[in-house]
Amino acid sequence: MPYLAAEDSEAAARYAFQTCAAMYAWFAVEDPKEPDLPQTEELDLDDLKDRAVAAAGPHSIKFVEACLREHELNPAPVYLAAADDAIERVGSD
């Protein structure tokens, strides 16, 4: 946003939201049910990194990196669960 003109910032934010919503809809489960969330205490950070790289999907690698960076700043189990889920759902697609 700091590189955009003020009049373009609002439009960029709307497009970013639409993109995120589209990605969420694309990877959403067809049959919604209560997800089996992993026990995040059992998740190893190096294992998450290795699995993301092994999946070879650029989107999952970037997402896992962002989740692990946020987890380092704010240790919340949701970041590890999201990283684990992204590797499984997005994989190499």
Protein backbone atom coordinates (compact mmCIF):
# COMPACT_ATOMS: atom_id res chain seq x y z
CA MET A 1 0.00 0.00 0.00
CA PRO A 2 2.78 2.54 0.64
CA TYR A 3 3.68 2.39 -3.05
CA LEU A 4 0.18 3.02 -4.34
CA ALA A 5 -1.53 6.31 -4.91
CA ALA A 6 -4.12 7.09 -2.26
CA GLU A 7 -6.99 6.68 -4.72
CA ASP A 8 -5.73 3.20 -5.70
CA SER A 9 -5.27 1.87 -2.15
CA GLU A 10 -8.97 1.29 -1.52
CA ALA A 11 -9.44 -0.58 -4.81
CA ALA A 12 -6.35 -2.70 -4.11
CA ALA A 13 -7.71 -3.67 -0.70
CA ARG A 14 -11.04 -4.71 -2.26
CA TYR A 15 -9.28 -6.81 -4.91
CA ALA A 16 -7.07 -8.42 -2.25
CA PHE A 17 -10.18 -9.34 -0.23
CA GLN A 18 -11.88 -10.77 -3.32
CA THR A 19 -8.78 -12.83 -4.11
CA CYS A 20 -8.64 -14.24 -0.58
CA ALA A 21 -12.34 -15.06 -0.64
CA ALA A 22 -11.98 -16.80 -4.02
CA MET A 23 -9.06 -18.88 -2.77
CA TYR A 24 -10.99 -19.84 0.35
CA ALA A 25 -13.98 -20.88 -1.75
CA TRP A 26 -11.77 -22.84 -4.15
CA PHE A 27 -10.18 -24.94 -1.41
CA ALA A 28 -13.24 -25.22 0.83
CA VAL A 29 -14.52 -28.65 1.71
CA GLU A 30 -17.57 -29.69 -0.32
CA ASP A 31 -19.13 -31.43 2.68
CA PRO A 32 -18.65 -29.06 5.61
CA LYS A 33 -18.09 -30.79 8.91
CA GLU A 34 -16.14 -30.19 12.03
CA PRO A 35 -12.50 -30.42 10.97
CA ASP A 36 -10.09 -32.76 12.66
CA LEU A 37 -7.61 -30.18 13.85
CA PRO A 38 -4.16 -31.49 14.64
CA GLN A 39 -2.79 -31.35 18.12
CA THR A 40 -0.48 -28.42 17.53
CA GLU A 41 1.75 -29.43 20.45
CA GLU A 42 2.73 -32.43 18.32
CA LEU A 43 3.58 -30.39 15.21
CA ASP A 44 7.29 -29.92 14.61
CA LEU A 45 8.26 -26.66 12.89
CA ASP A 46 11.05 -28.30 10.88
CA ASP A 47 8.65 -31.05 9.80
CA LEU A 48 6.12 -28.45 8.59
CA LYS A 49 8.86 -26.75 6.55
CA ASP A 50 10.02 -30.06 5.08
CA ARG A 51 6.49 -31.13 4.17
CA ALA A 52 5.75 -27.76 2.52
CA VAL A 53 8.91 -28.02 0.41
CA ALA A 54 8.16 -31.67 -0.44
CA ALA A 55 4.67 -30.70 -1.64
CA ALA A 56 6.46 -28.32 -4.04
CA GLY A 57 3.52 -25.95 -4.31
CA PRO A 58 4.66 -22.35 -4.34
CA HIS A 59 1.45 -21.16 -2.68
CA SER A 60 1.62 -23.66 0.16
CA ILE A 61 5.31 -22.90 0.72
CA LYS A 62 4.62 -19.15 0.94
CA PHE A 63 1.59 -19.67 3.18
CA VAL A 64 3.47 -22.00 5.55
CA GLU A 65 6.36 -19.53 5.73
CA ALA A 66 3.95 -16.72 6.63
CA CYS A 67 2.23 -18.85 9.28
CA LEU A 68 5.54 -19.84 10.87
CA ARG A 69 6.74 -16.22 10.84
CA GLU A 70 3.52 -15.10 12.55
CA HIS A 71 3.78 -17.98 15.04
CA GLU A 72 7.28 -16.81 15.93
CA LEU A 73 5.96 -13.30 16.63
CA ASN A 74 2.72 -14.41 18.29
CA PRO A 75 2.87 -18.07 19.41
CA ALA A 76 -0.72 -19.10 18.75
CA PRO A 77 -1.59 -22.70 17.83
CA VAL A 78 -3.87 -21.53 15.01
CA TYR A 79 -0.85 -20.60 12.87
CA LEU A 80 0.57 -24.11 13.09
CA ALA A 81 -2.82 -25.68 12.43
CA ALA A 82 -3.30 -23.42 9.38
CA ALA A 83 0.15 -24.31 8.04
CA ASP A 84 -0.51 -28.02 8.49
CA ASP A 85 -3.90 -27.73 6.82
CA ALA A 86 -2.52 -25.74 3.88
CA ILE A 87 0.06 -28.42 3.15
CA GLU A 88 -2.67 -31.05 3.03
CA ARG A 89 -5.26 -29.03 1.07
CA VAL A 90 -3.17 -26.99 -1.33
CA GLY A 91 -0.16 -29.24 -1.70
CA SER A 92 1.40 -28.85 -5.10
CA ASP A 93 -1.64 -27.36 -6.86
